[in-house]
Amino acid sequence: MPSPAEPSPPTAGAAAFFDVDNTIIRGASSFHLARALYQRRFFGTADLVRFALIQAKYLIFGESRTQIESVRNRALSLIAGRSVAEITAVGEEVYDTVLELRIFPGTKRLLDAHVAAGDQVWLVTATPVEIGGLIARRLGATGCLGTIAEHSGGYYTGRLIGDLMHGESKGAAVRELAEREGLDLEASYAYGDSLNDLPMMRSVGNPCPINPDVRLRRHAKDVGWPIREFRGRRQRAARRGVRTASWAGAAWVAGLVLRAVQKRLRG
């Protein structure tokens, strides 16, 4: 089996599938989009605090279905009635000012190697397809399989088309794409950081965790999958130490919110 770090020469119908959050980009891309929308007064402080706490838990404990569902449901309600063009423009700015700086160089080299080898390269992410597609274009990837928010007349309705691109939905989407595009999944690669990426990774002949969380790392060792670690010593140490700092930060944020509420009541 060729090394995941060095894709084999062009194979007819071969592809590489990449998760985005913590695989290509450090942290959750949706949090940075939410912060930019907050700065444009799309929503209030309480929602920003909620998203920040979810981001902290994500960095500490990894991805969970409950966290993603929470972000999805609130995000859909916040963008209802907003134009697709407006959200896409904010996404462009967020990529240029934040996300591009948070890309793991090792993952970028790996993605570039697949492109150079002639493989199709797809991002597979719970991130809205407009944002995932933007990231794919900037990275020179073939395209994106992402969560699809319904829109009508150029405006979001606040509903989804299909399911959240997560867990089993990732595996199903990869297999459907392979059938449509004539891809050879046995010759293909898949990269992810979370146990929730397993359905996608099990769909190909060359799975490889990148920056895996504890559960995926344990599974990869059990089944003999190669593991790639691109976070560096400082980032791994920061991940181990972020638990105390994050909960201290959460307490600080809660204190600020409480004081604001008290002032409002007194006023």
C-alpha atoms as a PDB file:
ATOM      1  CA  MET A   1       0.000   0.000   0.000  1.00  0.00           C
ATOM      2  CA  PRO A   2       1.493   3.411  -0.934  1.00  0.00           C
ATOM      3  CA  SER A   3       2.197   5.870   1.870  1.00  0.00           C
ATOM      4  CA  PRO A   4      -0.668   8.334   2.467  1.00  0.00           C
ATOM      5  CA  ALA A   5       1.933  11.092   2.612  1.00  0.00           C
ATOM      6  CA  GLU A   6       3.074  10.232  -0.918  1.00  0.00           C
ATOM      7  CA  PRO A   7       0.108   9.387  -3.173  1.00  0.00           C
ATOM      8  CA  SER A   8       0.809   6.834  -5.867  1.00  0.00           C
ATOM      9  CA  PRO A   9       1.086   7.775  -9.547  1.00  0.00           C
ATOM     10  CA  PRO A  10      -2.208   8.652 -11.273  1.00  0.00           C
ATOM     11  CA  THR A  11      -4.780   5.888 -10.997  1.00  0.00           C
ATOM     12  CA  ALA A  12      -7.873   6.007 -13.203  1.00  0.00           C
ATOM     13  CA  GLY A  13     -10.743   7.111 -11.018  1.00  0.00           C
ATOM     14  CA  ALA A  14      -8.724   7.586  -7.806  1.00  0.00           C
ATOM     15  CA  ALA A  15      -9.801  10.287  -5.356  1.00  0.00           C
ATOM     16  CA  ALA A  16      -8.835  11.758  -1.983  1.00  0.00           C
ATOM     17  CA  PHE A  17     -11.469  12.807   0.546  1.00  0.00           C
ATOM     18  CA  PHE A  18     -10.605  15.305   3.288  1.00  0.00           C
ATOM     19  CA  ASP A  19     -12.540  16.322   6.362  1.00  0.00           C
ATOM     20  CA  VAL A  20     -12.068  20.068   7.067  1.00  0.00           C
ATOM     21  CA  ASP A  21     -12.226  20.972  10.767  1.00  0.00           C
ATOM     22  CA  ASN A  22      -9.069  19.910  12.654  1.00  0.00           C
ATOM     23  CA  THR A  23      -7.955  17.995   9.547  1.00  0.00           C
ATOM     24  CA  ILE A  24      -7.247  20.851   7.137  1.00  0.00           C
ATOM     25  CA  ILE A  25      -8.016  23.799   9.417  1.00  0.00           C
ATOM     26  CA  ARG A  26      -7.226  24.020  13.128  1.00  0.00           C
ATOM     27  CA  GLY A  27     -10.467  24.315  15.088  1.00  0.00           C
ATOM     28  CA  ALA A  28     -14.035  24.666  13.805  1.00  0.00           C
ATOM     29  CA  SER A  29     -14.466  26.809  10.691  1.00  0.00           C
ATOM     30  CA  SER A  30     -18.119  27.448  11.583  1.00  0.00           C
ATOM     31  CA  PHE A  31     -17.052  29.245  14.787  1.00  0.00           C
ATOM     32  CA  HIS A  32     -14.956  31.749  12.858  1.00  0.00           C
ATOM     33  CA  LEU A  33     -17.819  32.323  10.416  1.00  0.00           C
ATOM     34  CA  ALA A  34     -20.186  32.834  13.375  1.00  0.00           C
ATOM     35  CA  ARG A  35     -17.806  35.370  14.936  1.00  0.00           C
ATOM     36  CA  ALA A  36     -17.677  37.350  11.682  1.00  0.00           C
ATOM     37  CA  LEU A  37     -21.466  37.310  11.452  1.00  0.00           C
ATOM     38  CA  TYR A  38     -21.667  38.552  15.051  1.00  0.00           C
ATOM     39  CA  GLN A  39     -19.406  41.476  14.162  1.00  0.00           C
ATOM     40  CA  ARG A  40     -21.930  42.336  11.438  1.00  0.00           C
ATOM     41  CA  ARG A  41     -24.796  42.179  13.963  1.00  0.00           C
ATOM     42  CA  PHE A  42     -26.405  39.043  12.526  1.00  0.00           C
ATOM     43  CA  PHE A  43     -27.012  37.937  16.136  1.00  0.00           C
ATOM     44  CA  GLY A  44     -26.294  38.922  19.749  1.00  0.00           C
ATOM     45  CA  THR A  45     -23.740  38.287  22.478  1.00  0.00           C
ATOM     46  CA  ALA A  46     -25.564  35.284  23.959  1.00  0.00           C
ATOM     47  CA  ASP A  47     -25.244  33.385  20.660  1.00  0.00           C
ATOM     48  CA  LEU A  48     -21.558  34.282  20.348  1.00  0.00           C
ATOM     49  CA  VAL A  49     -20.907  32.994  23.878  1.00  0.00           C
ATOM     50  CA  ARG A  50     -22.761  29.769  23.004  1.00  0.00           C
ATOM     51  CA  PHE A  51     -20.660  29.268  19.863  1.00  0.00           C
ATOM     52  CA  ALA A  52     -17.446  30.082  21.776  1.00  0.00           C
ATOM     53  CA  LEU A  53     -18.198  27.458  24.427  1.00  0.00           C
ATOM     54  CA  ILE A  54     -18.911  24.878  21.724  1.00  0.00           C
ATOM     55  CA  GLN A  55     -15.593  25.776  20.042  1.00  0.00           C
ATOM     56  CA  ALA A  56     -13.759  25.330  23.362  1.00  0.00           C
ATOM     57  CA  LYS A  57     -15.343  21.917  23.931  1.00  0.00           C
ATOM     58  CA  TYR A  58     -14.501  20.966  20.344  1.00  0.00           C
ATOM     59  CA  LEU A  59     -10.823  21.785  20.831  1.00  0.00           C
ATOM     60  CA  ILE A  60     -10.703  19.913  24.158  1.00  0.00           C
ATOM     61  CA  PHE A  61     -12.807  16.823  23.538  1.00  0.00           C
ATOM     62  CA  GLY A  62     -13.124  16.626  19.748  1.00  0.00           C
ATOM     63  CA  GLU A  63     -16.203  16.520  17.577  1.00  0.00           C
ATOM     64  CA  SER A  64     -19.591  15.322  18.815  1.00  0.00           C
ATOM     65  CA  ARG A  65     -22.944  14.916  17.124  1.00  0.00           C
ATOM     66  CA  THR A  66     -24.696  16.898  19.874  1.00  0.00           C
ATOM     67  CA  GLN A  67     -22.402  19.906  19.444  1.00  0.00           C
ATOM     68  CA  ILE A  68     -22.776  19.894  15.673  1.00  0.00           C
ATOM     69  CA  GLU A  69     -26.567  19.575  15.890  1.00  0.00           C
ATOM     70  CA  SER A  70     -26.661  22.509  18.316  1.00  0.00           C
ATOM     71  CA  VAL A  71     -24.604  24.716  16.005  1.00  0.00           C
ATOM     72  CA  ARG A  72     -26.601  23.610  12.965  1.00  0.00           C
ATOM     73  CA  ASN A  73     -30.020  24.324  14.447  1.00  0.00           C
ATOM     74  CA  ARG A  74     -29.078  27.754  15.766  1.00  0.00           C
ATOM     75  CA  ALA A  75     -27.155  28.709  12.632  1.00  0.00           C
ATOM     76  CA  LEU A  76     -30.105  27.797  10.391  1.00  0.00           C
ATOM     77  CA  SER A  77     -32.426  30.017  12.394  1.00  0.00           C
ATOM     78  CA  LEU A  78     -29.917  32.891  12.287  1.00  0.00           C
ATOM     79  CA  ILE A  79     -29.425  32.870   8.506  1.00  0.00           C
ATOM     80  CA  ALA A  80     -33.117  32.438   7.623  1.00  0.00           C
ATOM     81  CA  GLY A  81     -34.055  35.343   5.367  1.00  0.00           C
ATOM     82  CA  ARG A  82     -30.444  36.254   4.638  1.00  0.00           C
ATOM     83  CA  SER A  83     -29.118  36.182   1.088  1.00  0.00           C
ATOM     84  CA  VAL A  84     -26.750  33.491  -0.147  1.00  0.00           C
ATOM     85  CA  ALA A  85     -24.559  36.201  -1.695  1.00  0.00           C
ATOM     86  CA  GLU A  86     -24.238  37.978   1.655  1.00  0.00           C
ATOM     87  CA  ILE A  87     -23.174  34.850   3.570  1.00  0.00           C
ATOM     88  CA  THR A  88     -20.767  33.840   0.788  1.00  0.00           C
ATOM     89  CA  ALA A  89     -19.146  37.285   0.837  1.00  0.00           C
ATOM     90  CA  VAL A  90     -18.603  37.008   4.598  1.00  0.00           C
ATOM     91  CA  GLY A  91     -17.141  33.528   4.047  1.00  0.00           C
ATOM     92  CA  GLU A  92     -14.662  34.936   1.525  1.00  0.00           C
ATOM     93  CA  GLU A  93     -13.475  37.506   4.049  1.00  0.00           C
ATOM     94  CA  VAL A  94     -13.235  34.931   6.863  1.00  0.00           C
ATOM     95  CA  TYR A  95     -11.122  32.654   4.682  1.00  0.00           C
ATOM     96  CA  ASP A  96      -8.738  35.455   3.697  1.00  0.00           C
ATOM     97  CA  THR A  97      -8.319  36.883   7.213  1.00  0.00           C
ATOM     98  CA  VAL A  98      -8.615  33.816   9.470  1.00  0.00           C
ATOM     99  CA  LEU A  99      -8.973  30.367   7.950  1.00  0.00           C
ATOM    100  CA  GLU A 100      -6.056  30.580   5.531  1.00  0.00           C
ATOM    101  CA  LEU A 101      -3.770  31.288   8.494  1.00  0.00           C
ATOM    102  CA  ARG A 102      -5.062  28.209  10.361  1.00  0.00           C
ATOM    103  CA  ILE A 103      -4.397  25.648   7.612  1.00  0.00           C
ATOM    104  CA  PHE A 104      -2.052  22.840   8.670  1.00  0.00           C
ATOM    105  CA  PRO A 105       0.951  23.029   6.292  1.00  0.00           C
ATOM    106  CA  GLY A 106       1.358  19.230   6.408  1.00  0.00           C
ATOM    107  CA  THR A 107      -2.230  18.655   5.306  1.00  0.00           C
ATOM    108  CA  LYS A 108      -1.859  21.261   2.582  1.00  0.00           C
ATOM    109  CA  ARG A 109       1.231  19.479   1.228  1.00  0.00           C
ATOM    110  CA  LEU A 110      -0.653  16.194   1.262  1.00  0.00           C
ATOM    111  CA  LEU A 111      -3.624  17.702  -0.570  1.00  0.00           C
ATOM    112  CA  ASP A 112      -1.311  19.309  -3.138  1.00  0.00           C
ATOM    113  CA  ALA A 113       0.391  15.936  -3.686  1.00  0.00           C
ATOM    114  CA  HIS A 114      -2.950  14.338  -4.528  1.00  0.00           C
ATOM    115  CA  VAL A 115      -3.763  17.150  -6.965  1.00  0.00           C
ATOM    116  CA  ALA A 116      -0.332  16.744  -8.593  1.00  0.00           C
ATOM    117  CA  ALA A 117      -0.900  12.972  -8.839  1.00  0.00           C
ATOM    118  CA  GLY A 118      -4.043  13.596 -10.870  1.00  0.00           C
ATOM    119  CA  ASP A 119      -6.497  12.462  -8.178  1.00  0.00           C
ATOM    120  CA  GLN A 120      -9.851  14.085  -7.677  1.00  0.00           C
ATOM    121  CA  VAL A 121      -9.785  15.869  -4.311  1.00  0.00           C
ATOM    122  CA  TRP A 122     -13.026  16.408  -2.373  1.00  0.00           C
ATOM    123  CA  LEU A 123     -13.674  18.105   0.942  1.00  0.00           C
ATOM    124  CA  VAL A 124     -16.340  16.287   2.961  1.00  0.00           C
ATOM    125  CA  THR A 125     -17.620  18.439   5.806  1.00  0.00           C
ATOM    126  CA  ALA A 126     -20.576  19.385   7.990  1.00  0.00           C
ATOM    127  CA  THR A 127     -19.728  22.995   7.118  1.00  0.00           C
ATOM    128  CA  PRO A 128     -22.316  24.659   4.787  1.00  0.00           C
ATOM    129  CA  VAL A 129     -21.549  23.709   1.207  1.00  0.00           C
ATOM    130  CA  GLU A 130     -21.091  27.362   0.203  1.00  0.00           C
ATOM    131  CA  ILE A 131     -18.254  27.771   2.716  1.00  0.00           C
ATOM    132  CA  GLY A 132     -16.827  24.299   2.078  1.00  0.00           C
ATOM    133  CA  GLY A 133     -16.915  24.985  -1.663  1.00  0.00           C
ATOM    134  CA  LEU A 134     -15.082  28.258  -1.136  1.00  0.00           C
ATOM    135  CA  ILE A 135     -12.343  26.483   0.848  1.00  0.00           C
ATOM    136  CA  ALA A 136     -12.128  23.802  -1.844  1.00  0.00           C
ATOM    137  CA  ARG A 137     -11.686  26.398  -4.590  1.00  0.00           C
ATOM    138  CA  ARG A 138      -9.001  28.261  -2.661  1.00  0.00           C
ATOM    139  CA  LEU A 139      -7.091  25.019  -2.067  1.00  0.00           C
ATOM    140  CA  GLY A 140      -7.371  23.873  -5.673  1.00  0.00           C
ATOM    141  CA  ALA A 141      -9.558  20.882  -4.781  1.00  0.00           C
ATOM    142  CA  THR A 142     -12.123  19.343  -7.122  1.00  0.00           C
ATOM    143  CA  GLY A 143     -15.145  20.219  -5.007  1.00  0.00           C
ATOM    144  CA  CYS A 144     -16.981  19.879  -1.716  1.00  0.00           C
ATOM    145  CA  LEU A 145     -19.599  17.573  -0.240  1.00  0.00           C
ATOM    146  CA  GLY A 146     -21.140  19.692   2.508  1.00  0.00           C
ATOM    147  CA  THR A 147     -24.317  20.433   4.405  1.00  0.00           C
ATOM    148  CA  ILE A 148     -26.882  22.027   2.092  1.00  0.00           C
ATOM    149  CA  ALA A 149     -29.030  24.822   3.509  1.00  0.00           C
ATOM    150  CA  GLU A 150     -32.185  25.345   1.462  1.00  0.00           C
ATOM    151  CA  HIS A 151     -32.603  28.687  -0.273  1.00  0.00           C
ATOM    152  CA  SER A 152     -35.297  30.147  -2.479  1.00  0.00           C
ATOM    153  CA  GLY A 153     -34.882  33.164  -4.718  1.00  0.00           C
ATOM    154  CA  GLY A 154     -31.349  33.610  -3.416  1.00  0.00           C
ATOM    155  CA  TYR A 155     -32.400  33.696   0.268  1.00  0.00           C
ATOM    156  CA  TYR A 156     -32.027  31.017   2.953  1.00  0.00           C
ATOM    157  CA  THR A 157     -35.239  29.464   4.241  1.00  0.00           C
ATOM    158  CA  GLY A 158     -33.814  28.161   7.549  1.00  0.00           C
ATOM    159  CA  ARG A 159     -34.232  24.502   6.503  1.00  0.00           C
ATOM    160  CA  LEU A 160     -31.832  21.806   5.288  1.00  0.00           C
ATOM    161  CA  ILE A 161     -31.919  19.816   2.077  1.00  0.00           C
ATOM    162  CA  GLY A 162     -31.119  16.269   3.116  1.00  0.00           C
ATOM    163  CA  ASP A 163     -29.194  15.502   6.294  1.00  0.00           C
ATOM    164  CA  LEU A 164     -26.256  17.122   8.030  1.00  0.00           C
ATOM    165  CA  MET A 165     -23.022  16.010   6.315  1.00  0.00           C
ATOM    166  CA  HIS A 166     -21.751  14.089   9.305  1.00  0.00           C
ATOM    167  CA  GLY A 167     -21.099  10.509  10.388  1.00  0.00           C
ATOM    168  CA  GLU A 168     -22.930   7.998   8.214  1.00  0.00           C
ATOM    169  CA  SER A 169     -23.968  10.765   5.801  1.00  0.00           C
ATOM    170  CA  LYS A 170     -20.297  11.271   4.903  1.00  0.00           C
ATOM    171  CA  GLY A 171     -19.863   7.631   3.967  1.00  0.00           C
ATOM    172  CA  ALA A 172     -23.073   7.614   1.922  1.00  0.00           C
ATOM    173  CA  ALA A 173     -22.106  10.825   0.102  1.00  0.00           C
ATOM    174  CA  VAL A 174     -18.663   9.455  -0.794  1.00  0.00           C
ATOM    175  CA  ARG A 175     -20.149   6.226  -2.166  1.00  0.00           C
ATOM    176  CA  GLU A 176     -22.797   8.104  -4.167  1.00  0.00           C
ATOM    177  CA  LEU A 177     -20.164  10.421  -5.625  1.00  0.00           C
ATOM    178  CA  ALA A 178     -17.964   7.441  -6.526  1.00  0.00           C
ATOM    179  CA  GLU A 179     -20.815   5.823  -8.425  1.00  0.00           C
ATOM    180  CA  ARG A 180     -21.669   9.045 -10.226  1.00  0.00           C
ATOM    181  CA  GLU A 181     -18.055   9.932 -11.096  1.00  0.00           C
ATOM    182  CA  GLY A 182     -16.806   6.399 -11.775  1.00  0.00           C
ATOM    183  CA  LEU A 183     -14.279   6.571  -8.925  1.00  0.00           C
ATOM    184  CA  ASP A 184     -12.337   3.554  -7.709  1.00  0.00           C
ATOM    185  CA  LEU A 185     -12.822   3.687  -3.953  1.00  0.00           C
ATOM    186  CA  GLU A 186     -10.384   0.855  -3.310  1.00  0.00           C
ATOM    187  CA  ALA A 187      -7.643   3.010  -4.876  1.00  0.00           C
ATOM    188  CA  SER A 188      -8.846   6.147  -3.085  1.00  0.00           C
ATOM    189  CA  TYR A 189      -7.817   7.868   0.171  1.00  0.00           C
ATOM    190  CA  ALA A 190      -9.734   9.432   3.053  1.00  0.00           C
ATOM    191  CA  TYR A 191      -8.472  11.694   5.839  1.00  0.00           C
ATOM    192  CA  GLY A 192     -10.250  12.746   9.033  1.00  0.00           C
ATOM    193  CA  ASP A 193      -9.627  13.612  12.676  1.00  0.00           C
ATOM    194  CA  SER A 194     -12.693  12.203  14.432  1.00  0.00           C
ATOM    195  CA  LEU A 195     -14.410   8.894  15.014  1.00  0.00           C
ATOM    196  CA  ASN A 196     -17.343  10.497  13.207  1.00  0.00           C
ATOM    197  CA  ASP A 197     -15.245  10.335  10.024  1.00  0.00           C
ATOM    198  CA  LEU A 198     -15.090   6.516  10.188  1.00  0.00           C
ATOM    199  CA  PRO A 199     -17.929   5.883   7.692  1.00  0.00           C
ATOM    200  CA  MET A 200     -16.075   7.976   5.113  1.00  0.00           C
ATOM    201  CA  MET A 201     -12.708   6.404   5.904  1.00  0.00           C
ATOM    202  CA  ARG A 202     -14.062   2.855   5.787  1.00  0.00           C
ATOM    203  CA  SER A 203     -15.415   3.540   2.282  1.00  0.00           C
ATOM    204  CA  VAL A 204     -11.914   3.707   0.747  1.00  0.00           C
ATOM    205  CA  GLY A 205      -8.932   1.418   0.439  1.00  0.00           C
ATOM    206  CA  ASN A 206      -6.472   3.900   1.973  1.00  0.00           C
ATOM    207  CA  PRO A 207      -7.812   5.524   5.167  1.00  0.00           C
ATOM    208  CA  CYS A 208      -5.469   7.723   7.203  1.00  0.00           C
ATOM    209  CA  PRO A 209      -6.359   9.735  10.330  1.00  0.00           C
ATOM    210  CA  ILE A 210      -4.860  13.222  10.547  1.00  0.00           C
ATOM    211  CA  ASN A 211      -4.497  14.862  13.980  1.00  0.00           C
ATOM    212  CA  PRO A 212      -6.860  12.200  15.377  1.00  0.00           C
ATOM    213  CA  ASP A 213      -8.804  12.581  18.598  1.00  0.00           C
ATOM    214  CA  VAL A 214      -8.308   9.945  21.303  1.00  0.00           C
ATOM    215  CA  ARG A 215     -11.011   7.581  20.075  1.00  0.00           C
ATOM    216  CA  LEU A 216      -9.949   7.644  16.419  1.00  0.00           C
ATOM    217  CA  ARG A 217      -6.278   7.252  17.365  1.00  0.00           C
ATOM    218  CA  ARG A 218      -7.132   4.178  19.435  1.00  0.00           C
ATOM    219  CA  HIS A 219      -9.183   2.690  16.588  1.00  0.00           C
ATOM    220  CA  ALA A 220      -6.451   3.383  14.016  1.00  0.00           C
ATOM    221  CA  LYS A 221      -3.868   1.608  16.160  1.00  0.00           C
ATOM    222  CA  ASP A 222      -6.208  -1.354  16.655  1.00  0.00           C
ATOM    223  CA  VAL A 223      -6.771  -1.848  12.916  1.00  0.00           C
ATOM    224  CA  GLY A 224      -3.282  -0.831  11.777  1.00  0.00           C
ATOM    225  CA  TRP A 225      -4.086   2.373   9.922  1.00  0.00           C
ATOM    226  CA  PRO A 226      -1.257   4.892   9.406  1.00  0.00           C
ATOM    227  CA  ILE A 227      -1.588   8.106  11.409  1.00  0.00           C
ATOM    228  CA  ARG A 228      -0.415  11.564  10.383  1.00  0.00           C
ATOM    229  CA  GLU A 229       0.184  14.235  13.042  1.00  0.00           C
ATOM    230  CA  PHE A 230       0.566  17.775  11.713  1.00  0.00           C
ATOM    231  CA  ARG A 231      -0.133  19.826  14.845  1.00  0.00           C
ATOM    232  CA  GLY A 232       3.470  20.049  16.070  1.00  0.00           C
ATOM    233  CA  ARG A 233       4.661  19.758  19.650  1.00  0.00           C
ATOM    234  CA  ARG A 234       3.432  23.153  20.745  1.00  0.00           C
ATOM    235  CA  GLN A 235      -0.074  22.609  19.372  1.00  0.00           C
ATOM    236  CA  ARG A 236      -0.296  19.144  20.954  1.00  0.00           C
ATOM    237  CA  ALA A 237       0.862  20.586  24.277  1.00  0.00           C
ATOM    238  CA  ALA A 238      -1.651  23.406  23.922  1.00  0.00           C
ATOM    239  CA  ARG A 239      -4.402  20.860  23.327  1.00  0.00           C
ATOM    240  CA  ARG A 240      -3.443  19.016  26.541  1.00  0.00           C
ATOM    241  CA  GLY A 241      -3.332  22.255  28.510  1.00  0.00           C
ATOM    242  CA  VAL A 242      -6.354  23.956  26.965  1.00  0.00           C
ATOM    243  CA  ARG A 243      -8.823  22.185  29.275  1.00  0.00           C
ATOM    244  CA  THR A 244      -7.988  24.344  32.317  1.00  0.00           C
ATOM    245  CA  ALA A 245      -7.610  27.527  30.297  1.00  0.00           C
ATOM    246  CA  SER A 246     -10.884  26.985  28.438  1.00  0.00           C
ATOM    247  CA  TRP A 247     -12.940  26.377  31.549  1.00  0.00           C
ATOM    248  CA  ALA A 248     -11.326  29.412  33.204  1.00  0.00           C
ATOM    249  CA  GLY A 249     -12.212  31.419  30.107  1.00  0.00           C
ATOM    250  CA  ALA A 250     -15.758  30.087  30.181  1.00  0.00           C
ATOM    251  CA  ALA A 251     -16.097  31.186  33.812  1.00  0.00           C
ATOM    252  CA  TRP A 252     -14.790  34.634  32.867  1.00  0.00           C
ATOM    253  CA  VAL A 253     -17.296  34.956  30.010  1.00  0.00           C
ATOM    254  CA  ALA A 254     -20.114  33.798  32.304  1.00  0.00           C
ATOM    255  CA  GLY A 255     -19.071  36.459  34.822  1.00  0.00           C
ATOM    256  CA  LEU A 256     -19.210  39.170  32.170  1.00  0.00           C
ATOM    257  CA  VAL A 257     -22.656  38.060  31.035  1.00  0.00           C
ATOM    258  CA  LEU A 258     -23.920  37.925  34.634  1.00  0.00           C
ATOM    259  CA  ARG A 259     -22.652  41.432  35.360  1.00  0.00           C
ATOM    260  CA  ALA A 260     -24.268  42.728  32.172  1.00  0.00           C
ATOM    261  CA  VAL A 261     -27.592  41.176  33.178  1.00  0.00           C
ATOM    262  CA  GLN A 262     -27.329  42.664  36.689  1.00  0.00           C
ATOM    263  CA  LYS A 263     -26.633  46.120  35.271  1.00  0.00           C
ATOM    264  CA  ARG A 264     -29.610  45.819  32.952  1.00  0.00           C
ATOM    265  CA  LEU A 265     -31.881  44.797  35.825  1.00  0.00           C
ATOM    266  CA  ARG A 266     -30.660  47.684  37.995  1.00  0.00           C
ATOM    267  CA  GLY A 267     -31.053  50.115  35.106  1.00  0.00           C
END
